[in-house]
PDB file of N, CA and C in Angstrom:
ATOM      1  N   UNK A   1       6.163  45.500 -26.322  1.00  0.00           N
ATOM      2  CA  UNK A   1       7.052  45.027 -25.324  1.00  0.00           C
ATOM      3  C   UNK A   1       8.185  46.133 -25.574  1.00  0.00           C
ATOM      4  N   UNK A   2       8.622  46.848 -24.704  1.00  0.00           N
ATOM      5  CA  UNK A   2       9.829  47.598 -24.755  1.00  0.00           C
ATOM      6  C   UNK A   2      11.042  46.797 -24.796  1.00  0.00           C
ATOM      7  N   UNK A   3      12.039  47.238 -25.669  1.00  0.00           N
ATOM      8  CA  UNK A   3      13.224  46.724 -25.848  1.00  0.00           C
ATOM      9  C   UNK A   3      14.403  47.380 -26.414  1.00  0.00           C
ATOM     10  N   UNK A   4      15.528  46.801 -26.096  1.00  0.00           N
ATOM     11  CA  UNK A   4      16.600  47.776 -26.767  1.00  0.00           C
ATOM     12  C   UNK A   4      17.462  47.014 -27.462  1.00  0.00           C
ATOM     13  N   UNK A   5      16.442  46.279 -28.527  1.00  0.00           N
ATOM     14  CA  UNK A   5      17.293  45.679 -29.623  1.00  0.00           C
ATOM     15  C   UNK A   5      17.868  46.700 -30.593  1.00  0.00           C
ATOM     16  N   UNK A   6      17.219  47.331 -31.085  1.00  0.00           N
ATOM     17  CA  UNK A   6      17.659  48.257 -31.934  1.00  0.00           C
ATOM     18  C   UNK A   6      18.774  49.193 -31.606  1.00  0.00           C
ATOM     19  N   UNK A   7      18.922  49.655 -30.642  1.00  0.00           N
ATOM     20  CA  UNK A   7      20.113  50.471 -30.120  1.00  0.00           C
ATOM     21  C   UNK A   7      21.386  49.305 -29.967  1.00  0.00           C
ATOM     22  N   UNK A   8      21.280  48.132 -29.524  1.00  0.00           N
ATOM     23  CA  UNK A   8      22.491  47.267 -29.456  1.00  0.00           C
ATOM     24  C   UNK A   8      22.917  46.676 -30.863  1.00  0.00           C
ATOM     25  N   UNK A   9      21.751  46.848 -31.667  1.00  0.00           N
ATOM     26  CA  UNK A   9      22.473  46.215 -33.037  1.00  0.00           C
ATOM     27  C   UNK A   9      22.896  47.364 -33.764  1.00  0.00           C
ATOM     28  N   UNK A  10      22.456  48.538 -33.510  1.00  0.00           N
ATOM     29  CA  UNK A  10      23.331  49.897 -34.412  1.00  0.00           C
ATOM     30  C   UNK A  10      24.453  49.930 -33.697  1.00  0.00           C
ATOM     31  N   UNK A  11      24.765  49.855 -32.491  1.00  0.00           N
ATOM     32  CA  UNK A  11      25.903  49.717 -31.830  1.00  0.00           C
ATOM     33  C   UNK A  11      26.843  48.601 -32.362  1.00  0.00           C
ATOM     34  N   UNK A  12      26.707  47.401 -32.542  1.00  0.00           N
ATOM     35  CA  UNK A  12      27.586  46.856 -33.189  1.00  0.00           C
ATOM     36  C   UNK A  12      27.706  46.634 -34.702  1.00  0.00           C
ATOM     37  N   UNK A  13      26.878  47.795 -35.270  1.00  0.00           N
ATOM     38  CA  UNK A  13      27.072  48.228 -36.492  1.00  0.00           C
ATOM     39  C   UNK A  13      26.320  47.033 -37.614  1.00  0.00           C
ATOM     40  N   UNK A  14      25.054  46.513 -37.233  1.00  0.00           N
ATOM     41  CA  UNK A  14      24.520  45.366 -38.000  1.00  0.00           C
ATOM     42  C   UNK A  14      23.206  46.159 -38.445  1.00  0.00           C
ATOM     43  N   UNK A  15      22.977  45.798 -39.778  1.00  0.00           N
ATOM     44  CA  UNK A  15      21.410  45.811 -40.273  1.00  0.00           C
ATOM     45  C   UNK A  15      20.598  45.440 -39.878  1.00  0.00           C
ATOM     46  N   UNK A  16      19.301  45.427 -39.964  1.00  0.00           N
ATOM     47  CA  UNK A  16      18.060  44.573 -39.543  1.00  0.00           C
ATOM     48  C   UNK A  16      18.297  43.225 -40.465  1.00  0.00           C
ATOM     49  N   UNK A  17      18.819  43.235 -41.887  1.00  0.00           N
ATOM     50  CA  UNK A  17      19.033  41.843 -42.591  1.00  0.00           C
ATOM     51  C   UNK A  17      20.071  41.331 -41.687  1.00  0.00           C
ATOM     52  N   UNK A  18      21.293  41.998 -41.607  1.00  0.00           N
ATOM     53  CA  UNK A  18      22.365  40.949 -41.026  1.00  0.00           C
ATOM     54  C   UNK A  18      22.021  40.326 -39.675  1.00  0.00           C
ATOM     55  N   UNK A  19      21.421  41.180 -38.518  1.00  0.00           N
ATOM     56  CA  UNK A  19      20.917  40.111 -37.632  1.00  0.00           C
ATOM     57  C   UNK A  19      19.947  39.428 -37.635  1.00  0.00           C
ATOM     58  N   UNK A  20      18.853  39.407 -38.556  1.00  0.00           N
ATOM     59  CA  UNK A  20      18.362  38.309 -39.060  1.00  0.00           C
ATOM     60  C   UNK A  20      18.651  37.189 -39.407  1.00  0.00           C
ATOM     61  N   UNK A  21      19.726  37.308 -40.357  1.00  0.00           N
ATOM     62  CA  UNK A  21      20.751  36.076 -40.915  1.00  0.00           C
ATOM     63  C   UNK A  21      21.321  35.668 -39.723  1.00  0.00           C
ATOM     64  N   UNK A  22      21.809  36.177 -38.893  1.00  0.00           N
ATOM     65  CA  UNK A  22      22.636  35.877 -37.784  1.00  0.00           C
ATOM     66  C   UNK A  22      21.892  34.655 -36.856  1.00  0.00           C
ATOM     67  N   UNK A  23      20.645  35.069 -36.508  1.00  0.00           N
ATOM     68  CA  UNK A  23      19.790  34.520 -35.973  1.00  0.00           C
ATOM     69  C   UNK A  23      18.764  33.464 -36.525  1.00  0.00           C
ATOM     70  N   UNK A  24      18.641  33.504 -37.619  1.00  0.00           N
ATOM     71  CA  UNK A  24      17.786  32.648 -38.513  1.00  0.00           C
ATOM     72  C   UNK A  24      16.280  33.077 -38.602  1.00  0.00           C
ATOM     73  N   UNK A  25      16.135  34.416 -38.747  1.00  0.00           N
ATOM     74  CA  UNK A  25      14.751  34.997 -38.728  1.00  0.00           C
ATOM     75  C   UNK A  25      14.582  35.960 -40.244  1.00  0.00           C
ATOM     76  N   UNK A  26      13.562  36.463 -40.134  1.00  0.00           N
ATOM     77  CA  UNK A  26      13.427  37.372 -41.267  1.00  0.00           C
ATOM     78  C   UNK A  26      13.645  38.844 -40.576  1.00  0.00           C
ATOM     79  N   UNK A  27      14.120  39.540 -41.933  1.00  0.00           N
ATOM     80  CA  UNK A  27      14.319  41.163 -41.477  1.00  0.00           C
ATOM     81  C   UNK A  27      13.286  41.360 -40.712  1.00  0.00           C
ATOM     82  N   UNK A  28      11.731  41.528 -41.619  1.00  0.00           N
ATOM     83  CA  UNK A  28      10.617  41.710 -40.810  1.00  0.00           C
ATOM     84  C   UNK A  28      10.493  41.671 -39.458  1.00  0.00           C
ATOM     85  N   UNK A  29      10.598  40.212 -39.005  1.00  0.00           N
ATOM     86  CA  UNK A  29      10.571  39.971 -37.613  1.00  0.00           C
ATOM     87  C   UNK A  29      11.364  40.661 -36.990  1.00  0.00           C
ATOM     88  N   UNK A  30      12.793  40.793 -36.963  1.00  0.00           N
ATOM     89  CA  UNK A  30      13.435  41.841 -36.738  1.00  0.00           C
ATOM     90  C   UNK A  30      12.804  43.479 -36.327  1.00  0.00           C
ATOM     91  N   UNK A  31      12.454  43.779 -37.479  1.00  0.00           N
ATOM     92  CA  UNK A  31      11.402  44.997 -37.172  1.00  0.00           C
ATOM     93  C   UNK A  31      10.381  44.931 -36.322  1.00  0.00           C
ATOM     94  N   UNK A  32       9.686  44.103 -36.313  1.00  0.00           N
ATOM     95  CA  UNK A  32       8.635  43.899 -35.431  1.00  0.00           C
ATOM     96  C   UNK A  32       9.238  43.757 -34.069  1.00  0.00           C
ATOM     97  N   UNK A  33      10.152  42.740 -33.634  1.00  0.00           N
ATOM     98  CA  UNK A  33      10.815  42.870 -32.519  1.00  0.00           C
ATOM     99  C   UNK A  33      11.155  44.401 -31.794  1.00  0.00           C
ATOM    100  N   UNK A  34      11.986  44.806 -32.788  1.00  0.00           N
ATOM    101  CA  UNK A  34      12.381  46.225 -32.296  1.00  0.00           C
ATOM    102  C   UNK A  34      11.379  47.263 -31.921  1.00  0.00           C
ATOM    103  N   UNK A  35      10.154  47.131 -32.961  1.00  0.00           N
ATOM    104  CA  UNK A  35       9.014  48.077 -32.772  1.00  0.00           C
ATOM    105  C   UNK A  35       8.256  47.356 -31.190  1.00  0.00           C
ATOM    106  N   UNK A  36       8.523  46.297 -30.974  1.00  0.00           N
ATOM    107  CA  UNK A  36       7.736  45.999 -29.481  1.00  0.00           C
ATOM    108  C   UNK A  36       6.121  45.181 -30.079  1.00  0.00           C
ATOM    109  N   UNK A  37       6.355  44.958 -31.320  1.00  0.00           N
ATOM    110  CA  UNK A  37       5.113  44.043 -31.781  1.00  0.00           C
ATOM    111  C   UNK A  37       5.090  43.041 -32.166  1.00  0.00           C
ATOM    112  N   UNK A  38       6.253  42.253 -31.667  1.00  0.00           N
ATOM    113  CA  UNK A  38       6.593  40.882 -31.701  1.00  0.00           C
ATOM    114  C   UNK A  38       7.234  40.681 -30.359  1.00  0.00           C
ATOM    115  N   UNK A  39       6.784  39.248 -29.719  1.00  0.00           N
ATOM    116  CA  UNK A  39       7.107  38.838 -28.414  1.00  0.00           C
ATOM    117  C   UNK A  39       8.247  37.498 -28.755  1.00  0.00           C
ATOM    118  N   UNK A  40       9.528  37.593 -28.933  1.00  0.00           N
ATOM    119  CA  UNK A  40      10.260  36.585 -29.265  1.00  0.00           C
ATOM    120  C   UNK A  40      10.275  35.429 -28.226  1.00  0.00           C
ATOM    121  N   UNK A  41      10.897  34.132 -28.371  1.00  0.00           N
ATOM    122  CA  UNK A  41      10.993  33.040 -27.768  1.00  0.00           C
ATOM    123  C   UNK A  41      11.939  33.435 -26.659  1.00  0.00           C
ATOM    124  N   UNK A  42      12.291  33.019 -26.084  1.00  0.00           N
ATOM    125  CA  UNK A  42      13.770  32.835 -24.840  1.00  0.00           C
ATOM    126  C   UNK A  42      14.948  32.366 -25.820  1.00  0.00           C
ATOM    127  N   UNK A  43      14.444  31.164 -26.268  1.00  0.00           N
ATOM    128  CA  UNK A  43      15.595  31.172 -27.321  1.00  0.00           C
ATOM    129  C   UNK A  43      16.135  31.962 -28.354  1.00  0.00           C
ATOM    130  N   UNK A  44      15.146  32.822 -28.907  1.00  0.00           N
ATOM    131  CA  UNK A  44      15.346  33.790 -29.968  1.00  0.00           C
ATOM    132  C   UNK A  44      16.129  34.965 -29.257  1.00  0.00           C
ATOM    133  N   UNK A  45      15.347  35.240 -28.098  1.00  0.00           N
ATOM    134  CA  UNK A  45      16.377  36.369 -27.256  1.00  0.00           C
ATOM    135  C   UNK A  45      17.729  36.143 -26.743  1.00  0.00           C
ATOM    136  N   UNK A  46      17.954  35.258 -26.528  1.00  0.00           N
ATOM    137  CA  UNK A  46      19.339  34.379 -26.364  1.00  0.00           C
ATOM    138  C   UNK A  46      20.182  34.535 -27.282  1.00  0.00           C
ATOM    139  N   UNK A  47      19.690  34.389 -28.545  1.00  0.00           N
ATOM    140  CA  UNK A  47      20.505  34.134 -29.944  1.00  0.00           C
ATOM    141  C   UNK A  47      20.608  35.819 -30.217  1.00  0.00           C
ATOM    142  N   UNK A  48      19.823  36.406 -30.060  1.00  0.00           N
ATOM    143  CA  UNK A  48      20.287  38.322 -30.381  1.00  0.00           C
ATOM    144  C   UNK A  48      21.362  38.507 -29.173  1.00  0.00           C
ATOM    145  N   UNK A  49      20.628  38.233 -28.335  1.00  0.00           N
ATOM    146  CA  UNK A  49      21.918  38.813 -26.913  1.00  0.00           C
ATOM    147  C   UNK A  49      23.301  38.496 -27.327  1.00  0.00           C
ATOM    148  N   UNK A  50      23.542  37.044 -28.046  1.00  0.00           N
ATOM    149  CA  UNK A  50      24.628  36.487 -28.301  1.00  0.00           C
ATOM    150  C   UNK A  50      25.408  37.213 -29.459  1.00  0.00           C
ATOM    151  N   UNK A  51      24.588  37.813 -30.346  1.00  0.00           N
ATOM    152  CA  UNK A  51      25.327  38.509 -31.474  1.00  0.00           C
ATOM    153  C   UNK A  51      25.427  39.798 -31.309  1.00  0.00           C
ATOM    154  N   UNK A  52      24.651  40.571 -30.230  1.00  0.00           N
ATOM    155  CA  UNK A  52      25.024  41.806 -30.027  1.00  0.00           C
ATOM    156  C   UNK A  52      25.983  42.009 -28.817  1.00  0.00           C
ATOM    157  N   UNK A  53      26.204  40.928 -28.319  1.00  0.00           N
ATOM    158  CA  UNK A  53      27.445  40.964 -27.074  1.00  0.00           C
ATOM    159  C   UNK A  53      26.476  41.690 -25.637  1.00  0.00           C
ATOM    160  N   UNK A  54      25.209  41.481 -25.479  1.00  0.00           N
ATOM    161  CA  UNK A  54      24.729  42.196 -24.413  1.00  0.00           C
ATOM    162  C   UNK A  54      23.892  40.762 -23.837  1.00  0.00           C
ATOM    163  N   UNK A  55      23.132  41.363 -22.486  1.00  0.00           N
ATOM    164  CA  UNK A  55      22.807  40.456 -21.902  1.00  0.00           C
ATOM    165  C   UNK A  55      21.312  40.268 -22.035  1.00  0.00           C
ATOM    166  N   UNK A  56      20.518  39.617 -21.215  1.00  0.00           N
ATOM    167  CA  UNK A  56      19.016  39.478 -21.239  1.00  0.00           C
ATOM    168  C   UNK A  56      18.479  40.703 -20.961  1.00  0.00           C
ATOM    169  N   UNK A  57      18.915  40.733 -19.658  1.00  0.00           N
ATOM    170  CA  UNK A  57      18.524  42.123 -18.996  1.00  0.00           C
ATOM    171  C   UNK A  57      18.967  43.614 -19.408  1.00  0.00           C
ATOM    172  N   UNK A  58      19.974  43.232 -20.392  1.00  0.00           N
ATOM    173  CA  UNK A  58      20.525  44.520 -20.995  1.00  0.00           C
ATOM    174  C   UNK A  58      19.254  44.732 -22.076  1.00  0.00           C
ATOM    175  N   UNK A  59      18.993  43.840 -22.825  1.00  0.00           N
ATOM    176  CA  UNK A  59      18.030  43.694 -23.734  1.00  0.00           C
ATOM    177  C   UNK A  59      16.456  44.033 -23.664  1.00  0.00           C
ATOM    178  N   UNK A  60      15.998  43.229 -22.904  1.00  0.00           N
ATOM    179  CA  UNK A  60      14.679  42.918 -22.760  1.00  0.00           C
ATOM    180  C   UNK A  60      14.065  43.223 -21.207  1.00  0.00           C
ATOM    181  N   UNK A  61      14.726  43.654 -20.592  1.00  0.00           N
ATOM    182  CA  UNK A  61      14.580  43.692 -19.036  1.00  0.00           C
ATOM    183  C   UNK A  61      13.165  44.782 -18.990  1.00  0.00           C
ATOM    184  N   UNK A  62      12.031  44.374 -18.469  1.00  0.00           N
ATOM    185  CA  UNK A  62      10.790  45.629 -18.269  1.00  0.00           C
ATOM    186  C   UNK A  62      10.665  45.646 -17.030  1.00  0.00           C
ATOM    187  N   UNK A  63      10.683  47.154 -16.581  1.00  0.00           N
ATOM    188  CA  UNK A  63      10.339  47.623 -15.277  1.00  0.00           C
ATOM    189  C   UNK A  63       8.878  47.181 -14.729  1.00  0.00           C
ATOM    190  N   UNK A  64       8.523  47.187 -13.581  1.00  0.00           N
ATOM    191  CA  UNK A  64       7.148  46.710 -13.382  1.00  0.00           C
ATOM    192  C   UNK A  64       6.057  48.055 -13.857  1.00  0.00           C
ATOM    193  N   UNK A  65       6.485  49.140 -13.484  1.00  0.00           N
ATOM    194  CA  UNK A  65       5.885  50.182 -14.171  1.00  0.00           C
ATOM    195  C   UNK A  65       5.625  50.103 -15.453  1.00  0.00           C
ATOM    196  N   UNK A  66       6.379  49.725 -16.303  1.00  0.00           N
ATOM    197  CA  UNK A  66       6.253  49.473 -17.784  1.00  0.00           C
ATOM    198  C   UNK A  66       5.135  48.331 -18.070  1.00  0.00           C
ATOM    199  N   UNK A  67       5.157  47.080 -17.357  1.00  0.00           N
ATOM    200  CA  UNK A  67       4.414  46.190 -17.421  1.00  0.00           C
ATOM    201  C   UNK A  67       3.133  46.735 -17.342  1.00  0.00           C
ATOM    202  N   UNK A  68       2.819  47.563 -16.466  1.00  0.00           N
ATOM    203  CA  UNK A  68       1.395  47.703 -16.437  1.00  0.00           C
ATOM    204  C   UNK A  68       0.494  48.588 -17.410  1.00  0.00           C
ATOM    205  N   UNK A  69       1.348  49.262 -18.287  1.00  0.00           N
ATOM    206  CA  UNK A  69       1.019  49.993 -19.386  1.00  0.00           C
ATOM    207  C   UNK A  69       0.471  49.132 -20.694  1.00  0.00           C
TER     208      UNK A  69
END
């Protein structure tokens, strides 16, 4: 799953570890989310959005063309 979590995290000057601590997950899980290898729950997506001050659409929106890949 393509997402913009890494870009948003870097923009607010957080490490993977810092983001992980703020949303209650491990650094490894943040890494997997950023790589698109872990599909987070809606609750976790919203928590990440709150920390990086971005909307769900900005971080996780996937166009129809991308879904087919």
